[in-house]
């Protein structure tokens, strides 16, 4: 989920003062991607974050675990839980269909 990744990247940079290269290595993405998330050059679902504040809550928990040096399995469990709970939200499903132009989509169910 791009919105979640952007929120995690921004928190790791702002709150934990991590360098872009370190964020990239820990999240398994490129430094260029981190830079784009931080500069908002990479569209990262600000509408999603506004509509679903729980994304920020989960992103905070993931960021805390990443910054503490937890391995990917420890923090990815939070990501899996977040995705599951958010996908089960009918409002998310409706927004996803509109934003992605997926009239017949039923993946959230």
N, C-alpha and C. Protein backbone atom coordinates (compact mmCIF):
# COMPACT_ATOMS: atom_id res chain seq x y z
N UNK A 1 0.85 -1.17 0.00
CA UNK A 1 0.00 0.00 0.00
C UNK A 1 0.90 1.24 0.00
N UNK A 2 0.89 1.98 -1.10
CA UNK A 2 1.76 3.15 -1.22
C UNK A 2 1.56 4.20 -0.12
N UNK A 3 0.33 4.43 0.30
CA UNK A 3 0.08 5.43 1.34
C UNK A 3 0.75 5.03 2.64
N UNK A 4 0.69 3.75 2.96
CA UNK A 4 1.32 3.25 4.19
C UNK A 4 2.84 3.40 4.10
N UNK A 5 3.40 3.01 2.96
CA UNK A 5 4.85 3.10 2.80
C UNK A 5 5.31 4.55 2.91
N UNK A 6 4.58 5.46 2.29
CA UNK A 6 4.94 6.88 2.35
C UNK A 6 4.90 7.38 3.79
N UNK A 7 3.88 7.00 4.53
CA UNK A 7 3.76 7.44 5.92
C UNK A 7 4.90 6.88 6.76
N UNK A 8 5.28 5.64 6.53
CA UNK A 8 6.40 5.03 7.26
C UNK A 8 7.70 5.76 6.93
N UNK A 9 7.94 5.99 5.65
CA UNK A 9 9.17 6.67 5.22
C UNK A 9 9.26 8.05 5.86
N UNK A 10 8.16 8.80 5.82
CA UNK A 10 8.17 10.16 6.37
C UNK A 10 8.41 10.15 7.88
N UNK A 11 7.82 9.19 8.58
CA UNK A 11 8.02 9.13 10.03
C UNK A 11 9.44 8.70 10.37
N UNK A 12 9.99 7.74 9.65
CA UNK A 12 11.36 7.30 9.92
C UNK A 12 12.33 8.46 9.73
N UNK A 13 12.07 9.28 8.73
CA UNK A 13 12.94 10.42 8.47
C UNK A 13 12.75 11.53 9.51
N UNK A 14 11.50 11.92 9.75
CA UNK A 14 11.23 13.06 10.63
C UNK A 14 11.40 12.73 12.12
N UNK A 15 10.79 11.65 12.55
CA UNK A 15 10.79 11.34 13.98
C UNK A 15 12.06 10.64 14.45
N UNK A 16 12.57 9.73 13.60
CA UNK A 16 13.72 8.93 14.01
C UNK A 16 15.03 9.40 13.36
N UNK A 17 14.95 10.45 12.54
CA UNK A 17 16.11 11.07 11.93
C UNK A 17 17.00 10.07 11.17
N UNK A 18 16.35 9.13 10.53
CA UNK A 18 17.10 8.14 9.76
C UNK A 18 17.47 8.71 8.40
N UNK A 19 18.62 8.31 7.90
CA UNK A 19 19.08 8.72 6.57
C UNK A 19 18.30 7.95 5.51
N UNK A 20 18.18 8.56 4.35
CA UNK A 20 17.44 7.95 3.25
C UNK A 20 17.97 6.57 2.89
N UNK A 21 19.28 6.43 2.84
CA UNK A 21 19.88 5.14 2.49
C UNK A 21 19.52 4.06 3.52
N UNK A 22 19.49 4.44 4.80
CA UNK A 22 19.14 3.48 5.86
C UNK A 22 17.67 3.09 5.77
N UNK A 23 16.81 4.07 5.51
CA UNK A 23 15.38 3.77 5.35
C UNK A 23 15.19 2.81 4.18
N UNK A 24 15.84 3.11 3.08
CA UNK A 24 15.71 2.27 1.89
C UNK A 24 16.15 0.84 2.17
N UNK A 25 17.29 0.70 2.83
CA UNK A 25 17.82 -0.64 3.13
C UNK A 25 16.87 -1.41 4.03
N UNK A 26 16.38 -0.76 5.07
CA UNK A 26 15.50 -1.45 6.03
C UNK A 26 14.15 -1.81 5.44
N UNK A 27 13.64 -0.98 4.52
CA UNK A 27 12.33 -1.26 3.92
C UNK A 27 12.41 -2.06 2.63
N UNK A 28 13.62 -2.22 2.12
CA UNK A 28 13.77 -2.99 0.89
C UNK A 28 13.30 -2.23 -0.35
N UNK A 29 13.50 -0.91 -0.33
CA UNK A 29 13.16 -0.08 -1.48
C UNK A 29 14.40 0.72 -1.86
N UNK A 30 14.35 1.43 -2.98
CA UNK A 30 15.51 2.20 -3.40
C UNK A 30 15.57 3.53 -2.66
N UNK A 31 16.78 4.09 -2.62
CA UNK A 31 16.96 5.41 -2.01
C UNK A 31 16.19 6.45 -2.81
N UNK A 32 16.11 6.26 -4.13
CA UNK A 32 15.35 7.19 -4.98
C UNK A 32 13.87 7.18 -4.60
N UNK A 33 13.34 6.00 -4.29
CA UNK A 33 11.95 5.91 -3.86
C UNK A 33 11.74 6.66 -2.55
N UNK A 34 12.67 6.49 -1.62
CA UNK A 34 12.58 7.20 -0.34
C UNK A 34 12.56 8.70 -0.60
N UNK A 35 13.47 9.17 -1.43
CA UNK A 35 13.54 10.59 -1.76
C UNK A 35 12.23 11.09 -2.35
N UNK A 36 11.64 10.30 -3.25
CA UNK A 36 10.37 10.69 -3.87
C UNK A 36 9.23 10.71 -2.86
N UNK A 37 9.20 9.75 -1.94
CA UNK A 37 8.17 9.77 -0.90
C UNK A 37 8.32 11.02 -0.03
N UNK A 38 9.55 11.35 0.32
CA UNK A 38 9.79 12.50 1.20
C UNK A 38 9.46 13.83 0.53
N UNK A 39 9.68 13.90 -0.77
CA UNK A 39 9.40 15.15 -1.48
C UNK A 39 7.99 15.17 -2.04
N UNK A 40 7.25 14.09 -1.81
CA UNK A 40 5.89 13.92 -2.33
C UNK A 40 5.85 13.89 -3.85
N UNK A 41 7.01 13.61 -4.48
CA UNK A 41 7.05 13.47 -5.93
C UNK A 41 6.36 12.18 -6.35
N UNK A 42 6.42 11.20 -5.48
CA UNK A 42 5.74 9.93 -5.74
C UNK A 42 4.38 10.01 -5.06
N UNK A 43 3.34 10.05 -5.86
CA UNK A 43 1.98 10.16 -5.30
C UNK A 43 1.78 9.02 -4.33
N UNK A 44 1.42 9.35 -3.12
CA UNK A 44 1.37 8.32 -2.09
C UNK A 44 0.06 8.27 -1.35
N UNK A 45 -0.99 8.65 -2.01
CA UNK A 45 -2.31 8.44 -1.42
C UNK A 45 -2.65 9.34 -0.26
N UNK A 46 -2.38 10.64 -0.38
CA UNK A 46 -2.74 11.54 0.72
C UNK A 46 -4.24 11.50 0.98
N UNK A 47 -5.01 11.29 -0.08
CA UNK A 47 -6.47 11.16 0.09
C UNK A 47 -6.78 9.93 0.93
N UNK A 48 -6.02 8.87 0.72
CA UNK A 48 -6.19 7.64 1.49
C UNK A 48 -5.91 7.89 2.96
N UNK A 49 -4.82 8.60 3.25
CA UNK A 49 -4.43 8.86 4.64
C UNK A 49 -5.46 9.78 5.31
N UNK A 50 -5.96 10.76 4.57
CA UNK A 50 -6.99 11.64 5.12
C UNK A 50 -8.26 10.86 5.42
N UNK A 51 -8.62 9.96 4.53
CA UNK A 51 -9.86 9.20 4.68
C UNK A 51 -9.76 8.09 5.71
N UNK A 52 -8.55 7.60 5.93
CA UNK A 52 -8.34 6.47 6.84
C UNK A 52 -7.19 6.78 7.80
N UNK A 53 -7.49 7.52 8.87
CA UNK A 53 -6.43 7.90 9.83
C UNK A 53 -5.73 6.71 10.47
N UNK A 54 -6.37 5.54 10.43
CA UNK A 54 -5.72 4.36 11.00
C UNK A 54 -4.44 4.00 10.25
N UNK A 55 -4.31 4.46 9.01
CA UNK A 55 -3.08 4.22 8.26
C UNK A 55 -1.91 4.84 9.01
N UNK A 56 -2.08 6.05 9.52
CA UNK A 56 -1.00 6.71 10.27
C UNK A 56 -0.68 5.96 11.56
N UNK A 57 -1.70 5.41 12.20
CA UNK A 57 -1.48 4.66 13.44
C UNK A 57 -0.63 3.42 13.16
N UNK A 58 -1.02 2.69 12.12
CA UNK A 58 -0.23 1.50 11.75
C UNK A 58 1.17 1.90 11.29
N UNK A 59 1.27 2.97 10.52
CA UNK A 59 2.58 3.42 10.04
C UNK A 59 3.49 3.78 11.21
N UNK A 60 2.92 4.37 12.25
CA UNK A 60 3.70 4.71 13.44
C UNK A 60 4.24 3.46 14.12
N UNK A 61 3.40 2.45 14.23
CA UNK A 61 3.84 1.19 14.86
C UNK A 61 4.93 0.52 14.03
N UNK A 62 4.76 0.53 12.72
CA UNK A 62 5.78 -0.06 11.84
C UNK A 62 7.08 0.73 11.97
N UNK A 63 6.99 2.06 11.93
CA UNK A 63 8.18 2.91 12.03
C UNK A 63 8.94 2.66 13.33
N UNK A 64 8.19 2.55 14.43
CA UNK A 64 8.81 2.30 15.73
C UNK A 64 9.60 0.99 15.70
N UNK A 65 9.02 -0.03 15.10
CA UNK A 65 9.70 -1.34 15.04
C UNK A 65 10.91 -1.30 14.12
N UNK A 66 10.78 -0.62 12.98
CA UNK A 66 11.90 -0.51 12.05
C UNK A 66 13.04 0.25 12.71
N UNK A 67 12.73 1.38 13.34
CA UNK A 67 13.75 2.21 13.99
C UNK A 67 14.43 1.46 15.14
N UNK A 68 13.70 0.57 15.79
CA UNK A 68 14.27 -0.21 16.90
C UNK A 68 15.13 -1.37 16.40
N UNK A 69 15.20 -1.53 15.08
CA UNK A 69 16.04 -2.57 14.52
C UNK A 69 15.38 -3.94 14.43
N UNK A 70 14.08 -3.98 14.58
CA UNK A 70 13.37 -5.26 14.47
C UNK A 70 13.51 -5.78 13.05
N UNK A 71 13.53 -7.09 12.91
CA UNK A 71 13.67 -7.64 11.57
C UNK A 71 12.35 -7.51 10.80
N UNK A 72 12.45 -7.70 9.50
CA UNK A 72 11.31 -7.50 8.61
C UNK A 72 10.09 -8.32 9.02
N UNK A 73 10.30 -9.51 9.56
CA UNK A 73 9.18 -10.36 9.96
C UNK A 73 8.40 -9.75 11.11
N UNK A 74 9.10 -9.04 11.99
CA UNK A 74 8.43 -8.41 13.14
C UNK A 74 7.53 -7.26 12.71
N UNK A 75 8.03 -6.39 11.84
CA UNK A 75 7.20 -5.24 11.46
C UNK A 75 6.25 -5.55 10.31
N UNK A 76 6.55 -6.56 9.50
CA UNK A 76 5.63 -6.87 8.40
C UNK A 76 4.33 -7.49 8.92
N UNK A 77 4.37 -8.05 10.12
CA UNK A 77 3.12 -8.58 10.69
C UNK A 77 2.14 -7.45 10.97
N UNK A 78 2.65 -6.28 11.35
CA UNK A 78 1.79 -5.11 11.55
C UNK A 78 1.22 -4.66 10.21
N UNK A 79 2.05 -4.68 9.19
CA UNK A 79 1.59 -4.31 7.85
C UNK A 79 0.49 -5.24 7.37
N UNK A 80 0.67 -6.53 7.57
CA UNK A 80 -0.36 -7.51 7.16
C UNK A 80 -1.68 -7.27 7.90
N UNK A 81 -1.57 -7.01 9.20
CA UNK A 81 -2.77 -6.74 9.99
C UNK A 81 -3.46 -5.47 9.49
N UNK A 82 -2.68 -4.44 9.22
CA UNK A 82 -3.24 -3.17 8.73
C UNK A 82 -3.96 -3.37 7.40
N UNK A 83 -3.31 -4.04 6.48
CA UNK A 83 -3.92 -4.27 5.16
C UNK A 83 -5.22 -5.05 5.29
N UNK A 84 -5.21 -6.06 6.12
CA UNK A 84 -6.41 -6.88 6.30
C UNK A 84 -7.55 -6.04 6.86
N UNK A 85 -7.28 -5.29 7.92
CA UNK A 85 -8.33 -4.49 8.56
C UNK A 85 -8.83 -3.37 7.65
N UNK A 86 -7.92 -2.73 6.95
CA UNK A 86 -8.32 -1.63 6.07
C UNK A 86 -9.12 -2.15 4.88
N UNK A 87 -8.69 -3.28 4.32
CA UNK A 87 -9.43 -3.86 3.18
C UNK A 87 -10.83 -4.30 3.56
N UNK A 88 -11.03 -4.64 4.82
CA UNK A 88 -12.36 -5.07 5.27
C UNK A 88 -13.31 -3.89 5.49
N UNK A 89 -12.78 -2.69 5.44
CA UNK A 89 -13.57 -1.48 5.64
C UNK A 89 -14.32 -1.16 4.34
N UNK A 90 -15.64 -1.12 4.39
CA UNK A 90 -16.44 -0.86 3.20
C UNK A 90 -16.11 0.49 2.56
N UNK A 91 -15.81 1.48 3.39
CA UNK A 91 -15.48 2.81 2.86
C UNK A 91 -14.20 2.74 2.04
N UNK A 92 -13.23 1.95 2.48
CA UNK A 92 -11.99 1.79 1.72
C UNK A 92 -12.29 1.14 0.38
N UNK A 93 -13.10 0.11 0.40
CA UNK A 93 -13.44 -0.60 -0.82
C UNK A 93 -14.10 0.36 -1.83
N UNK A 94 -15.01 1.18 -1.36
CA UNK A 94 -15.69 2.13 -2.25
C UNK A 94 -14.70 3.15 -2.81
N UNK A 95 -13.83 3.69 -1.96
CA UNK A 95 -12.85 4.66 -2.42
C UNK A 95 -11.89 4.02 -3.42
N UNK A 96 -11.47 2.80 -3.14
CA UNK A 96 -10.57 2.09 -4.05
C UNK A 96 -11.20 1.90 -5.42
N UNK A 97 -12.46 1.51 -5.44
CA UNK A 97 -13.16 1.33 -6.72
C UNK A 97 -13.22 2.63 -7.51
N UNK A 98 -13.50 3.73 -6.82
CA UNK A 98 -13.59 5.03 -7.50
C UNK A 98 -12.22 5.48 -7.99
N UNK A 99 -11.23 5.44 -7.11
CA UNK A 99 -9.89 5.92 -7.45
C UNK A 99 -9.24 5.07 -8.53
N UNK A 100 -9.51 3.79 -8.53
CA UNK A 100 -8.86 2.88 -9.47
C UNK A 100 -9.72 2.57 -10.68
N UNK A 101 -10.92 3.14 -10.72
CA UNK A 101 -11.86 2.91 -11.82
C UNK A 101 -12.10 1.40 -12.01
N UNK A 102 -12.47 0.73 -10.92
CA UNK A 102 -12.68 -0.71 -10.92
C UNK A 102 -14.12 -1.06 -10.59
N UNK A 103 -15.00 -0.78 -11.49
CA UNK A 103 -16.44 -0.98 -11.23
C UNK A 103 -16.79 -2.38 -10.77
N UNK A 104 -16.20 -3.41 -11.32
CA UNK A 104 -16.57 -4.77 -10.97
C UNK A 104 -15.65 -5.45 -9.97
N UNK A 105 -14.79 -4.69 -9.33
CA UNK A 105 -13.81 -5.26 -8.40
C UNK A 105 -14.50 -5.83 -7.15
N UNK A 106 -14.05 -6.98 -6.71
CA UNK A 106 -14.57 -7.56 -5.46
C UNK A 106 -13.44 -8.15 -4.62
N UNK A 107 -12.24 -7.65 -4.79
CA UNK A 107 -11.07 -8.20 -4.10
C UNK A 107 -11.12 -7.99 -2.58
N UNK A 108 -11.80 -6.92 -2.16
CA UNK A 108 -11.85 -6.63 -0.71
C UNK A 108 -12.76 -7.57 0.05
N UNK A 109 -13.56 -8.29 -0.61
CA UNK A 109 -14.53 -9.16 0.08
C UNK A 109 -14.05 -10.57 0.17
